[in-house]
Amino acid sequence: MNNIYQDILNHLSDNRDVSLETVIRGESGPVEGGLVRRLTAVTPVTDLKGRSFARVTAEESADGLVVCEPVLPQERLIVLGGGHIALPVCEFGAKCGFTVCVIDDRPDFANRARFPDATEVICDSFENGIRRLAVTPFDYVVIITRGHRHDADCLRVLLPGTMPAYLGMIGSRRRTKGLLEMLRAEGFDADRLARICTPIGLDIGAVTPGEIAISILSEVIAYKRLPEHGDPNRYCNDSDVELSTLQYLAENHDPKAIVTVIETKGSTPRGTGAKMAVSPLGKVTGSIGGGCSEAAVIQDAVRIIGTGRYKIVDIDLTGEVAESDGMVCGGTMKVLVEDACEG
C-alpha cells in the first residue's frame, strides 16, 4: 500500500478537505486486494434536523464494507491580542487540538516564551499579521486586543476577506454595538457584521481570565461541532481523527500496524475516525481511548505487523466486561487493525 496519508496531507496543505474511502472485503484477509483505498470528495451527512456533518460512515455494498473517513484541514485558533486573557485561551485551545497562532504588535506580549503552546507568534501590526496568516473557512478568530481601536483595525482587514468558521470579539455590549455601527456606516456588509460573536463566549458567569477563556473556547467548539452555529451552508466536523497521527503515518516508514475506529455504538472513549499506530514493541502513537480494551487491540496489532494482513476487531465496553477492565463507557467499538505495508 502506498502511503496514502501523505496524499491526504497534500490536500490539507492546500486547504482542501478530502475523504479516505476504504472498501473492506471481508472480516480479515490480506491487505493487498482486501483493502481498496482511494481519495474522494467529502459527502456531508444530513441528520433529521437538516444539519450537515462531515462524519465517518461504514456502509455495506456489493463490494464489501465501504468506510469513508472525512479529513478537514487543521483548524487554526487565531488569537488577536497577547494580553492576560490570551494566555489561557492559547493554552486551552492547544489542548483542544487547535493550531494556535497569536498576533500582537508589542514585543513583550508577542514572543514564544510567553506563548509556548502556540505554533506561531507574530509580532507585527494586527493588519499585517492577519494578511500574513491568510484566513481560511477552517479558522477560528478571537479578537481580544487592548482596545476597540485595534479591534476595528482587525475587522477592517477580516470582513472583506474569507470569513472564518468563527469570529468573536471581546467587549461590553455598549462598546461593541458602537463599534459595529461605526463599521456599518463605513460600508461594511451588514450580514458579515451580524456573524461576529460579541460579547464573546458563552454566558457562564465567567470572571477570571481562565474562566473567560473557557467561555470563549466553549463557543468556539460549538461553532466547530454544531451546524446550527455560524454559516448555515457549511458542514461541521464530526470525525475524531487527529492530524498529528496522520502526520506520523505519512512520515514514519518503520514497520507498524494501524488501528482505526470505523464504527461505534453507545458511549465510547473515542469516536469514529480515531486512529493509532502501533510499533512491533507495542509503542503507540495516537489513541483509540486507552484502557485494558485498547491494550488487547495493541496485542492484535503487534501480531499482525509484517503479515501483510488485516482484521476487524469488536471491542465490548458494556456490562461486566467494562467494569472488570476499569472502563467508564458502556458502548461497543468496531476497529480495523491492519499491517501498514508500503510499497
C-alpha atoms as a PDB file:
ATOM      1  CA  MET A   1       0.000   0.000   0.000  1.00  0.00           C
ATOM      2  CA  ASN A   2       1.464   3.325  -1.000  1.00  0.00           C
ATOM      3  CA  ASN A   3       1.440   5.940   1.734  1.00  0.00           C
ATOM      4  CA  ILE A   4      -1.911   7.491   1.053  1.00  0.00           C
ATOM      5  CA  TYR A   5      -1.623   9.564   4.220  1.00  0.00           C
ATOM      6  CA  GLN A   6       0.949  11.808   2.534  1.00  0.00           C
ATOM      7  CA  ASP A   7      -1.577  12.375  -0.251  1.00  0.00           C
ATOM      8  CA  ILE A   8      -4.108  13.404   2.406  1.00  0.00           C
ATOM      9  CA  LEU A   9      -1.654  15.891   3.910  1.00  0.00           C
ATOM     10  CA  ASN A  10      -1.019  17.337   0.451  1.00  0.00           C
ATOM     11  CA  HIS A  11      -4.732  18.058   0.116  1.00  0.00           C
ATOM     12  CA  LEU A  12      -4.882  19.607   3.566  1.00  0.00           C
ATOM     13  CA  SER A  13      -1.860  21.823   2.905  1.00  0.00           C
ATOM     14  CA  ASP A  14      -3.864  23.360   0.051  1.00  0.00           C
ATOM     15  CA  ASN A  15      -6.811  23.930   2.453  1.00  0.00           C
ATOM     16  CA  ARG A  16      -8.855  21.238   0.715  1.00  0.00           C
ATOM     17  CA  ASP A  17     -10.924  18.733   2.634  1.00  0.00           C
ATOM     18  CA  VAL A  18     -10.819  15.132   1.471  1.00  0.00           C
ATOM     19  CA  SER A  19     -12.332  11.761   2.311  1.00  0.00           C
ATOM     20  CA  LEU A  20     -10.406   8.477   2.581  1.00  0.00           C
ATOM     21  CA  GLU A  21     -12.627   5.735   1.149  1.00  0.00           C
ATOM     22  CA  THR A  22     -11.728   2.152   2.082  1.00  0.00           C
ATOM     23  CA  VAL A  23     -13.527  -0.909   0.735  1.00  0.00           C
ATOM     24  CA  ILE A  24     -13.045  -3.797   3.188  1.00  0.00           C
ATOM     25  CA  ARG A  25     -13.637  -7.175   1.574  1.00  0.00           C
ATOM     26  CA  GLY A  26     -14.357  -9.473   4.481  1.00  0.00           C
ATOM     27  CA  GLU A  27     -13.650  -9.572   8.211  1.00  0.00           C
ATOM     28  CA  SER A  28      -9.973 -10.451   7.662  1.00  0.00           C
ATOM     29  CA  GLY A  29      -7.502 -11.238   4.939  1.00  0.00           C
ATOM     30  CA  PRO A  30      -4.511  -9.884   3.040  1.00  0.00           C
ATOM     31  CA  VAL A  31      -4.237  -6.094   2.893  1.00  0.00           C
ATOM     32  CA  GLU A  32      -3.278  -6.287  -0.779  1.00  0.00           C
ATOM     33  CA  GLY A  33      -6.593  -6.787  -2.540  1.00  0.00           C
ATOM     34  CA  GLY A  34      -8.590  -6.958   0.678  1.00  0.00           C
ATOM     35  CA  LEU A  35      -8.434  -3.230   1.389  1.00  0.00           C
ATOM     36  CA  VAL A  36      -9.078  -0.985  -1.609  1.00  0.00           C
ATOM     37  CA  ARG A  37      -8.446   2.717  -0.986  1.00  0.00           C
ATOM     38  CA  ARG A  38      -8.901   5.982  -2.813  1.00  0.00           C
ATOM     39  CA  LEU A  39      -9.381   9.665  -2.015  1.00  0.00           C
ATOM     40  CA  THR A  40     -12.784  11.171  -2.764  1.00  0.00           C
ATOM     41  CA  ALA A  41     -14.708  14.366  -2.129  1.00  0.00           C
ATOM     42  CA  VAL A  42     -16.314  14.756   1.281  1.00  0.00           C
ATOM     43  CA  THR A  43     -20.026  13.905   1.237  1.00  0.00           C
ATOM     44  CA  PRO A  44     -21.687  15.543   4.252  1.00  0.00           C
ATOM     45  CA  VAL A  45     -24.238  13.516   6.193  1.00  0.00           C
ATOM     46  CA  THR A  46     -27.512  15.264   6.999  1.00  0.00           C
ATOM     47  CA  ASP A  47     -29.369  14.421  10.201  1.00  0.00           C
ATOM     48  CA  LEU A  48     -33.118  14.546  10.858  1.00  0.00           C
ATOM     49  CA  LYS A  49     -32.910  18.246  11.757  1.00  0.00           C
ATOM     50  CA  GLY A  50     -31.313  19.070   8.414  1.00  0.00           C
ATOM     51  CA  ARG A  51     -27.857  19.711   9.922  1.00  0.00           C
ATOM     52  CA  SER A  52     -24.803  18.661   7.908  1.00  0.00           C
ATOM     53  CA  PHE A  53     -21.783  16.843   9.312  1.00  0.00           C
ATOM     54  CA  ALA A  54     -18.516  15.505   7.927  1.00  0.00           C
ATOM     55  CA  ARG A  55     -18.935  12.116   9.578  1.00  0.00           C
ATOM     56  CA  VAL A  56     -17.210   8.740   9.311  1.00  0.00           C
ATOM     57  CA  THR A  57     -19.592   6.281   7.663  1.00  0.00           C
ATOM     58  CA  ALA A  58     -19.454   2.495   7.255  1.00  0.00           C
ATOM     59  CA  GLU A  59     -21.961   1.024   4.811  1.00  0.00           C
ATOM     60  CA  GLU A  60     -22.304  -2.416   3.276  1.00  0.00           C
ATOM     61  CA  SER A  61     -22.152  -2.671  -0.518  1.00  0.00           C
ATOM     62  CA  ALA A  62     -21.832  -5.409  -3.113  1.00  0.00           C
ATOM     63  CA  ASP A  63     -18.040  -4.933  -2.994  1.00  0.00           C
ATOM     64  CA  GLY A  64     -17.784  -5.076   0.810  1.00  0.00           C
ATOM     65  CA  LEU A  65     -17.887  -2.695   3.745  1.00  0.00           C
ATOM     66  CA  VAL A  66     -17.268   0.850   2.479  1.00  0.00           C
ATOM     67  CA  VAL A  67     -15.742   3.135   5.123  1.00  0.00           C
ATOM     68  CA  CYS A  68     -15.472   6.858   4.369  1.00  0.00           C
ATOM     69  CA  GLU A  69     -13.272   8.959   6.656  1.00  0.00           C
ATOM     70  CA  PRO A  70     -13.544  12.731   6.065  1.00  0.00           C
ATOM     71  CA  VAL A  71     -10.459  14.768   6.894  1.00  0.00           C
ATOM     72  CA  LEU A  72     -10.603  18.529   7.153  1.00  0.00           C
ATOM     73  CA  PRO A  73      -7.662  20.963   7.176  1.00  0.00           C
ATOM     74  CA  GLN A  74      -6.257  21.661  10.617  1.00  0.00           C
ATOM     75  CA  GLU A  75      -8.401  24.188  12.439  1.00  0.00           C
ATOM     76  CA  ARG A  76      -6.381  27.227  13.475  1.00  0.00           C
ATOM     77  CA  LEU A  77      -7.261  29.305  16.505  1.00  0.00           C
ATOM     78  CA  ILE A  78      -6.078  32.809  15.624  1.00  0.00           C
ATOM     79  CA  VAL A  79      -5.789  34.959  18.735  1.00  0.00           C
ATOM     80  CA  LEU A  80      -5.556  38.693  18.053  1.00  0.00           C
ATOM     81  CA  GLY A  81      -4.043  40.232  21.156  1.00  0.00           C
ATOM     82  CA  GLY A  82      -1.475  38.868  23.590  1.00  0.00           C
ATOM     83  CA  GLY A  83      -2.859  40.119  26.909  1.00  0.00           C
ATOM     84  CA  HIS A  84      -3.751  38.269  30.094  1.00  0.00           C
ATOM     85  CA  ILE A  85      -6.829  36.524  28.650  1.00  0.00           C
ATOM     86  CA  ALA A  86      -4.853  35.329  25.627  1.00  0.00           C
ATOM     87  CA  LEU A  87      -2.614  33.200  27.851  1.00  0.00           C
ATOM     88  CA  PRO A  88      -5.273  30.657  28.956  1.00  0.00           C
ATOM     89  CA  VAL A  89      -7.066  30.912  25.582  1.00  0.00           C
ATOM     90  CA  CYS A  90      -3.899  29.707  23.845  1.00  0.00           C
ATOM     91  CA  GLU A  91      -3.118  27.056  26.444  1.00  0.00           C
ATOM     92  CA  PHE A  92      -6.612  25.574  26.485  1.00  0.00           C
ATOM     93  CA  GLY A  93      -7.013  25.972  22.705  1.00  0.00           C
ATOM     94  CA  ALA A  94      -3.883  23.927  22.064  1.00  0.00           C
ATOM     95  CA  LYS A  95      -5.131  21.246  24.463  1.00  0.00           C
ATOM     96  CA  CYS A  96      -8.366  21.114  22.450  1.00  0.00           C
ATOM     97  CA  GLY A  97      -6.408  20.299  19.306  1.00  0.00           C
ATOM     98  CA  PHE A  98      -6.283  23.682  17.597  1.00  0.00           C
ATOM     99  CA  THR A  99      -3.174  25.024  15.922  1.00  0.00           C
ATOM    100  CA  VAL A 100      -2.783  28.282  17.817  1.00  0.00           C
ATOM    101  CA  CYS A 101      -1.500  31.496  16.213  1.00  0.00           C
ATOM    102  CA  VAL A 102      -1.051  34.706  18.211  1.00  0.00           C
ATOM    103  CA  ILE A 103      -0.663  38.238  16.872  1.00  0.00           C
ATOM    104  CA  ASP A 104       0.307  41.333  18.867  1.00  0.00           C
ATOM    105  CA  ASP A 105       2.294  44.434  17.948  1.00  0.00           C
ATOM    106  CA  ARG A 106       4.193  44.570  21.265  1.00  0.00           C
ATOM    107  CA  PRO A 107       7.398  42.502  21.589  1.00  0.00           C
ATOM    108  CA  ASP A 108       6.825  41.985  25.324  1.00  0.00           C
ATOM    109  CA  PHE A 109       3.457  40.377  24.535  1.00  0.00           C
ATOM    110  CA  ALA A 110       4.244  38.562  21.268  1.00  0.00           C
ATOM    111  CA  ASN A 111       7.048  36.102  21.926  1.00  0.00           C
ATOM    112  CA  ARG A 112       7.469  32.332  22.147  1.00  0.00           C
ATOM    113  CA  ALA A 113       8.440  32.396  25.819  1.00  0.00           C
ATOM    114  CA  ARG A 114       5.065  33.943  26.677  1.00  0.00           C
ATOM    115  CA  PHE A 115       3.105  31.546  24.423  1.00  0.00           C
ATOM    116  CA  PRO A 116       4.880  28.161  24.475  1.00  0.00           C
ATOM    117  CA  ASP A 117       1.725  26.356  23.289  1.00  0.00           C
ATOM    118  CA  ALA A 118       1.360  28.494  20.155  1.00  0.00           C
ATOM    119  CA  THR A 119       2.521  27.156  16.803  1.00  0.00           C
ATOM    120  CA  GLU A 120       3.136  30.677  15.516  1.00  0.00           C
ATOM    121  CA  VAL A 121       3.612  34.002  17.315  1.00  0.00           C
ATOM    122  CA  ILE A 122       3.668  37.105  15.124  1.00  0.00           C
ATOM    123  CA  CYS A 123       4.973  40.423  16.403  1.00  0.00           C
ATOM    124  CA  ASP A 124       3.641  42.936  13.902  1.00  0.00           C
ATOM    125  CA  SER A 125       0.673  45.191  13.363  1.00  0.00           C
ATOM    126  CA  PHE A 126      -2.636  43.355  13.537  1.00  0.00           C
ATOM    127  CA  GLU A 127      -3.341  44.227   9.913  1.00  0.00           C
ATOM    128  CA  ASN A 128      -0.046  42.806   8.649  1.00  0.00           C
ATOM    129  CA  GLY A 129      -0.318  39.736  10.864  1.00  0.00           C
ATOM    130  CA  ILE A 130      -3.802  38.885   9.615  1.00  0.00           C
ATOM    131  CA  ARG A 131      -2.751  39.277   5.981  1.00  0.00           C
ATOM    132  CA  ARG A 132       0.275  37.087   6.641  1.00  0.00           C
ATOM    133  CA  LEU A 133      -1.862  34.260   8.041  1.00  0.00           C
ATOM    134  CA  ALA A 134      -4.352  34.318   5.115  1.00  0.00           C
ATOM    135  CA  VAL A 135      -7.581  33.395   6.935  1.00  0.00           C
ATOM    136  CA  THR A 136      -9.483  30.331   5.644  1.00  0.00           C
ATOM    137  CA  PRO A 137     -13.003  28.930   6.281  1.00  0.00           C
ATOM    138  CA  PHE A 138     -11.415  26.439   8.704  1.00  0.00           C
ATOM    139  CA  ASP A 139     -10.061  29.134  11.046  1.00  0.00           C
ATOM    140  CA  TYR A 140     -11.473  30.400  14.341  1.00  0.00           C
ATOM    141  CA  VAL A 141     -10.606  34.026  15.092  1.00  0.00           C
ATOM    142  CA  VAL A 142     -10.708  35.508  18.596  1.00  0.00           C
ATOM    143  CA  ILE A 143     -10.304  39.292  18.873  1.00  0.00           C
ATOM    144  CA  ILE A 144      -9.091  40.217  22.361  1.00  0.00           C
ATOM    145  CA  THR A 145      -6.888  43.237  21.715  1.00  0.00           C
ATOM    146  CA  ARG A 146      -6.200  46.009  24.235  1.00  0.00           C
ATOM    147  CA  GLY A 147      -8.748  48.428  22.813  1.00  0.00           C
ATOM    148  CA  HIS A 148     -11.553  48.903  20.303  1.00  0.00           C
ATOM    149  CA  ARG A 149      -9.323  50.980  18.034  1.00  0.00           C
ATOM    150  CA  HIS A 150      -7.279  47.837  17.446  1.00  0.00           C
ATOM    151  CA  ASP A 151     -10.456  45.734  17.239  1.00  0.00           C
ATOM    152  CA  ALA A 152     -11.625  47.974  14.409  1.00  0.00           C
ATOM    153  CA  ASP A 153      -8.269  47.620  12.643  1.00  0.00           C
ATOM    154  CA  CYS A 154      -8.626  43.840  12.813  1.00  0.00           C
ATOM    155  CA  LEU A 155     -12.174  43.824  11.499  1.00  0.00           C
ATOM    156  CA  ARG A 156     -11.360  46.172   8.628  1.00  0.00           C
ATOM    157  CA  VAL A 157      -8.965  43.516   7.334  1.00  0.00           C
ATOM    158  CA  LEU A 158     -11.063  40.458   8.218  1.00  0.00           C
ATOM    159  CA  LEU A 159     -14.506  41.474   6.962  1.00  0.00           C
ATOM    160  CA  PRO A 160     -13.699  41.956   3.240  1.00  0.00           C
ATOM    161  CA  GLY A 161     -11.824  38.639   3.031  1.00  0.00           C
ATOM    162  CA  THR A 162     -12.674  34.983   3.526  1.00  0.00           C
ATOM    163  CA  MET A 163     -14.896  34.616   6.569  1.00  0.00           C
ATOM    164  CA  PRO A 164     -13.584  32.200   9.191  1.00  0.00           C
ATOM    165  CA  ALA A 165     -15.721  29.489  10.743  1.00  0.00           C
ATOM    166  CA  TYR A 166     -15.887  31.626  13.881  1.00  0.00           C
ATOM    167  CA  LEU A 167     -15.254  35.313  14.543  1.00  0.00           C
ATOM    168  CA  GLY A 168     -15.627  36.622  18.076  1.00  0.00           C
ATOM    169  CA  MET A 169     -14.775  39.938  19.709  1.00  0.00           C
ATOM    170  CA  ILE A 170     -14.454  40.757  23.391  1.00  0.00           C
ATOM    171  CA  GLY A 171     -16.057  43.865  24.913  1.00  0.00           C
ATOM    172  CA  SER A 172     -19.185  45.174  26.574  1.00  0.00           C
ATOM    173  CA  ARG A 173     -22.454  45.244  24.666  1.00  0.00           C
ATOM    174  CA  ARG A 174     -22.486  49.048  24.590  1.00  0.00           C
ATOM    175  CA  ARG A 175     -18.949  49.440  23.265  1.00  0.00           C
ATOM    176  CA  THR A 176     -19.149  46.654  20.719  1.00  0.00           C
ATOM    177  CA  LYS A 177     -22.510  47.923  19.482  1.00  0.00           C
ATOM    178  CA  GLY A 178     -20.959  51.334  18.866  1.00  0.00           C
ATOM    179  CA  LEU A 179     -18.022  49.791  17.022  1.00  0.00           C
ATOM    180  CA  LEU A 180     -20.256  47.699  14.770  1.00  0.00           C
ATOM    181  CA  GLU A 181     -22.427  50.725  13.990  1.00  0.00           C
ATOM    182  CA  MET A 182     -19.298  52.660  13.008  1.00  0.00           C
ATOM    183  CA  LEU A 183     -18.173  49.883  10.674  1.00  0.00           C
ATOM    184  CA  ARG A 184     -21.653  49.625   9.190  1.00  0.00           C
ATOM    185  CA  ALA A 185     -21.522  53.365   8.476  1.00  0.00           C
ATOM    186  CA  GLU A 186     -18.172  52.807   6.757  1.00  0.00           C
ATOM    187  CA  GLY A 187     -19.938  50.484   4.317  1.00  0.00           C
ATOM    188  CA  PHE A 188     -19.068  47.036   5.671  1.00  0.00           C
ATOM    189  CA  ASP A 189     -21.563  44.273   4.890  1.00  0.00           C
ATOM    190  CA  ALA A 190     -24.337  44.050   7.480  1.00  0.00           C
ATOM    191  CA  ASP A 191     -24.658  40.250   7.177  1.00  0.00           C
ATOM    192  CA  ARG A 192     -20.970  39.789   7.899  1.00  0.00           C
ATOM    193  CA  LEU A 193     -21.105  42.164  10.832  1.00  0.00           C
ATOM    194  CA  ALA A 194     -24.035  40.159  12.200  1.00  0.00           C
ATOM    195  CA  ARG A 195     -21.890  36.991  12.210  1.00  0.00           C
ATOM    196  CA  ILE A 196     -19.470  38.460  14.754  1.00  0.00           C
ATOM    197  CA  CYS A 197     -19.969  36.857  18.174  1.00  0.00           C
ATOM    198  CA  THR A 198     -19.930  39.710  20.638  1.00  0.00           C
ATOM    199  CA  PRO A 199     -19.865  39.837  23.577  1.00  0.00           C
ATOM    200  CA  ILE A 200     -17.579  36.874  23.043  1.00  0.00           C
ATOM    201  CA  GLY A 201     -18.069  33.453  24.657  1.00  0.00           C
ATOM    202  CA  LEU A 202     -20.900  31.552  26.267  1.00  0.00           C
ATOM    203  CA  ASP A 203     -22.571  33.199  29.241  1.00  0.00           C
ATOM    204  CA  ILE A 204     -21.330  31.060  32.143  1.00  0.00           C
ATOM    205  CA  GLY A 205     -20.773  33.916  34.580  1.00  0.00           C
ATOM    206  CA  ALA A 206     -17.019  33.899  33.893  1.00  0.00           C
ATOM    207  CA  VAL A 207     -14.897  36.348  35.894  1.00  0.00           C
ATOM    208  CA  THR A 208     -11.249  35.219  35.969  1.00  0.00           C
ATOM    209  CA  PRO A 209      -9.050  35.044  32.833  1.00  0.00           C
ATOM    210  CA  GLY A 210      -9.181  31.236  32.953  1.00  0.00           C
ATOM    211  CA  GLU A 211     -12.972  31.218  33.238  1.00  0.00           C
ATOM    212  CA  ILE A 212     -13.289  33.738  30.391  1.00  0.00           C
ATOM    213  CA  ALA A 213     -11.013  31.564  28.253  1.00  0.00           C
ATOM    214  CA  ILE A 214     -13.225  28.551  28.932  1.00  0.00           C
ATOM    215  CA  SER A 215     -16.336  30.518  27.940  1.00  0.00           C
ATOM    216  CA  ILE A 216     -14.641  31.639  24.705  1.00  0.00           C
ATOM    217  CA  LEU A 217     -13.425  28.166  23.769  1.00  0.00           C
ATOM    218  CA  SER A 218     -16.818  26.660  24.608  1.00  0.00           C
ATOM    219  CA  GLU A 219     -18.363  28.926  21.999  1.00  0.00           C
ATOM    220  CA  VAL A 220     -15.564  28.162  19.521  1.00  0.00           C
ATOM    221  CA  ILE A 221     -16.094  24.413  19.958  1.00  0.00           C
ATOM    222  CA  ALA A 222     -19.839  24.845  19.493  1.00  0.00           C
ATOM    223  CA  TYR A 223     -19.136  26.515  16.141  1.00  0.00           C
ATOM    224  CA  LYS A 224     -16.794  23.674  15.242  1.00  0.00           C
ATOM    225  CA  ARG A 225     -19.098  20.810  16.186  1.00  0.00           C
ATOM    226  CA  LEU A 226     -22.689  22.128  15.919  1.00  0.00           C
ATOM    227  CA  PRO A 227     -24.028  23.166  12.492  1.00  0.00           C
ATOM    228  CA  GLU A 228     -26.735  25.399  13.965  1.00  0.00           C
ATOM    229  CA  HIS A 229     -23.994  27.912  14.727  1.00  0.00           C
ATOM    230  CA  GLY A 230     -22.372  30.114  12.108  1.00  0.00           C
ATOM    231  CA  ASP A 231     -22.817  29.831   8.348  1.00  0.00           C
ATOM    232  CA  PRO A 232     -25.875  27.616   7.669  1.00  0.00           C
ATOM    233  CA  ASN A 233     -24.321  26.406   4.398  1.00  0.00           C
ATOM    234  CA  ARG A 234     -21.242  24.849   5.975  1.00  0.00           C
ATOM    235  CA  TYR A 235     -20.924  21.403   7.488  1.00  0.00           C
ATOM    236  CA  CYS A 236     -19.271  20.592  10.791  1.00  0.00           C
ATOM    237  CA  ASN A 237     -16.507  18.134  11.580  1.00  0.00           C
ATOM    238  CA  ASP A 238     -17.753  15.061  13.440  1.00  0.00           C
ATOM    239  CA  SER A 239     -14.707  12.837  12.895  1.00  0.00           C
ATOM    240  CA  ASP A 240     -12.350  12.026  15.770  1.00  0.00           C
ATOM    241  CA  VAL A 241      -9.224  11.824  13.610  1.00  0.00           C
ATOM    242  CA  GLU A 242      -6.156  13.732  14.821  1.00  0.00           C
ATOM    243  CA  LEU A 243      -3.873  15.471  12.354  1.00  0.00           C
ATOM    244  CA  SER A 244      -0.790  14.595  14.416  1.00  0.00           C
ATOM    245  CA  THR A 245      -1.473  10.874  13.903  1.00  0.00           C
ATOM    246  CA  LEU A 246      -1.934  11.351  10.150  1.00  0.00           C
ATOM    247  CA  GLN A 247       1.371  13.232  10.037  1.00  0.00           C
ATOM    248  CA  TYR A 248       3.079  10.355  11.835  1.00  0.00           C
ATOM    249  CA  LEU A 249       1.633   7.818   9.403  1.00  0.00           C
ATOM    250  CA  ALA A 250       2.767   9.936   6.447  1.00  0.00           C
ATOM    251  CA  GLU A 251       6.307  10.488   7.711  1.00  0.00           C
ATOM    252  CA  ASN A 252       7.154   7.261   9.556  1.00  0.00           C
ATOM    253  CA  HIS A 253       8.079   4.321   7.309  1.00  0.00           C
ATOM    254  CA  ASP A 254       9.066   1.822  10.009  1.00  0.00           C
ATOM    255  CA  PRO A 255       7.071  -1.435  10.385  1.00  0.00           C
ATOM    256  CA  LYS A 256       3.816  -0.796  12.229  1.00  0.00           C
ATOM    257  CA  ALA A 257       0.138  -1.561  12.418  1.00  0.00           C
ATOM    258  CA  ILE A 258      -2.667   0.963  12.059  1.00  0.00           C
ATOM    259  CA  VAL A 259      -5.805   0.763  14.179  1.00  0.00           C
ATOM    260  CA  THR A 260      -8.876   2.791  13.116  1.00  0.00           C
ATOM    261  CA  VAL A 261     -12.248   3.121  14.823  1.00  0.00           C
ATOM    262  CA  ILE A 262     -14.747   2.542  11.996  1.00  0.00           C
ATOM    263  CA  GLU A 263     -17.991   2.186  13.966  1.00  0.00           C
ATOM    264  CA  THR A 264     -19.273   2.956  17.467  1.00  0.00           C
ATOM    265  CA  LYS A 265     -22.488   2.348  19.368  1.00  0.00           C
ATOM    266  CA  GLY A 266     -23.400   3.836  22.721  1.00  0.00           C
ATOM    267  CA  SER A 267     -20.870   5.606  24.931  1.00  0.00           C
ATOM    268  CA  THR A 268     -17.256   5.080  23.830  1.00  0.00           C
ATOM    269  CA  PRO A 269     -13.990   6.780  24.846  1.00  0.00           C
ATOM    270  CA  ARG A 270     -13.231   7.891  21.275  1.00  0.00           C
ATOM    271  CA  GLY A 271     -15.383   8.432  18.229  1.00  0.00           C
ATOM    272  CA  THR A 272     -15.231   7.085  14.697  1.00  0.00           C
ATOM    273  CA  GLY A 273     -12.133   8.137  12.819  1.00  0.00           C
ATOM    274  CA  ALA A 274      -9.788   7.887  15.811  1.00  0.00           C
ATOM    275  CA  LYS A 275      -6.511   6.230  14.833  1.00  0.00           C
ATOM    276  CA  MET A 276      -3.385   4.905  16.448  1.00  0.00           C
ATOM    277  CA  ALA A 277      -0.174   3.416  15.115  1.00  0.00           C
ATOM    278  CA  VAL A 278       1.459   0.501  16.931  1.00  0.00           C
ATOM    279  CA  SER A 279       5.154  -0.424  16.647  1.00  0.00           C
ATOM    280  CA  PRO A 280       6.491  -4.012  16.872  1.00  0.00           C
ATOM    281  CA  LEU A 281       7.384  -3.293  20.517  1.00  0.00           C
ATOM    282  CA  GLY A 282       3.852  -2.111  21.292  1.00  0.00           C
ATOM    283  CA  LYS A 283       4.678   1.594  21.358  1.00  0.00           C
ATOM    284  CA  VAL A 284       1.591   3.627  20.497  1.00  0.00           C
ATOM    285  CA  THR A 285       1.198   6.883  18.584  1.00  0.00           C
ATOM    286  CA  GLY A 286      -2.320   8.291  18.789  1.00  0.00           C
ATOM    287  CA  SER A 287      -5.122   6.620  20.717  1.00  0.00           C
ATOM    288  CA  ILE A 288      -8.470   4.918  20.366  1.00  0.00           C
ATOM    289  CA  GLY A 289      -9.362   5.562  24.000  1.00  0.00           C
ATOM    290  CA  GLY A 290      -6.924   3.864  26.367  1.00  0.00           C
ATOM    291  CA  GLY A 291      -7.750   1.234  28.990  1.00  0.00           C
ATOM    292  CA  CYS A 292      -7.462  -2.535  29.010  1.00  0.00           C
ATOM    293  CA  SER A 293      -9.563  -2.952  25.890  1.00  0.00           C
ATOM    294  CA  GLU A 294      -7.095  -0.831  23.927  1.00  0.00           C
ATOM    295  CA  ALA A 295      -4.292  -2.963  25.322  1.00  0.00           C
ATOM    296  CA  ALA A 296      -5.940  -6.080  23.861  1.00  0.00           C
ATOM    297  CA  VAL A 297      -6.104  -4.428  20.435  1.00  0.00           C
ATOM    298  CA  ILE A 298      -2.435  -3.480  20.731  1.00  0.00           C
ATOM    299  CA  GLN A 299      -1.607  -7.182  21.107  1.00  0.00           C
ATOM    300  CA  ASP A 300      -3.588  -7.937  17.941  1.00  0.00           C
ATOM    301  CA  ALA A 301      -1.794  -5.096  16.182  1.00  0.00           C
ATOM    302  CA  VAL A 302       1.682  -6.296  17.177  1.00  0.00           C
ATOM    303  CA  ARG A 303       0.879  -9.819  15.954  1.00  0.00           C
ATOM    304  CA  ILE A 304      -0.305  -8.541  12.585  1.00  0.00           C
ATOM    305  CA  ILE A 305       2.817  -6.467  11.810  1.00  0.00           C
ATOM    306  CA  GLY A 306       4.756  -7.979   8.933  1.00  0.00           C
ATOM    307  CA  THR A 307       1.997 -10.402   7.915  1.00  0.00           C
ATOM    308  CA  GLY A 308       0.508  -8.210   5.209  1.00  0.00           C
ATOM    309  CA  ARG A 309      -2.935  -8.855   6.655  1.00  0.00           C
ATOM    310  CA  TYR A 310      -5.826  -7.038   8.321  1.00  0.00           C
ATOM    311  CA  LYS A 311      -8.690  -7.940  10.645  1.00  0.00           C
ATOM    312  CA  ILE A 312     -11.787  -6.302  12.117  1.00  0.00           C
ATOM    313  CA  VAL A 313     -11.976  -6.431  15.911  1.00  0.00           C
ATOM    314  CA  ASP A 314     -15.061  -5.800  18.068  1.00  0.00           C
ATOM    315  CA  ILE A 315     -14.478  -4.131  21.452  1.00  0.00           C
ATOM    316  CA  ASP A 316     -17.243  -4.522  24.035  1.00  0.00           C
ATOM    317  CA  LEU A 317     -17.322  -1.853  26.743  1.00  0.00           C
ATOM    318  CA  THR A 318     -20.668  -2.869  28.218  1.00  0.00           C
ATOM    319  CA  GLY A 319     -21.645  -4.516  31.474  1.00  0.00           C
ATOM    320  CA  GLU A 320     -19.258  -6.669  33.437  1.00  0.00           C
ATOM    321  CA  VAL A 321     -16.543  -6.552  30.782  1.00  0.00           C
ATOM    322  CA  ALA A 322     -16.260  -2.786  31.092  1.00  0.00           C
ATOM    323  CA  GLU A 323     -16.355  -2.909  34.881  1.00  0.00           C
ATOM    324  CA  SER A 324     -13.630  -5.546  35.141  1.00  0.00           C
ATOM    325  CA  ASP A 325     -11.399  -3.578  32.757  1.00  0.00           C
ATOM    326  CA  GLY A 326     -11.893  -0.358  34.674  1.00  0.00           C
ATOM    327  CA  MET A 327     -13.704   1.280  31.767  1.00  0.00           C
ATOM    328  CA  VAL A 328     -16.260   4.011  32.376  1.00  0.00           C
ATOM    329  CA  CYS A 329     -18.003   3.742  28.995  1.00  0.00           C
ATOM    330  CA  GLY A 330     -20.828   1.435  28.039  1.00  0.00           C
ATOM    331  CA  GLY A 331     -20.820   1.047  24.264  1.00  0.00           C
ATOM    332  CA  THR A 332     -19.159  -1.015  21.567  1.00  0.00           C
ATOM    333  CA  MET A 333     -16.450  -0.199  19.041  1.00  0.00           C
ATOM    334  CA  LYS A 334     -15.552  -1.850  15.753  1.00  0.00           C
ATOM    335  CA  VAL A 335     -11.932  -1.252  14.760  1.00  0.00           C
ATOM    336  CA  LEU A 336      -9.874  -2.074  11.702  1.00  0.00           C
ATOM    337  CA  VAL A 337      -6.398  -3.435  12.509  1.00  0.00           C
ATOM    338  CA  GLU A 338      -4.028  -3.572   9.522  1.00  0.00           C
ATOM    339  CA  ASP A 339      -0.398  -4.169   8.726  1.00  0.00           C
ATOM    340  CA  ALA A 340       0.924  -0.888   7.322  1.00  0.00           C
ATOM    341  CA  CYS A 341       2.837  -2.435   4.466  1.00  0.00           C
ATOM    342  CA  GLU A 342       4.163   0.126   1.999  1.00  0.00           C
ATOM    343  CA  GLY A 343       5.386  -0.428  -1.496  1.00  0.00           C
END
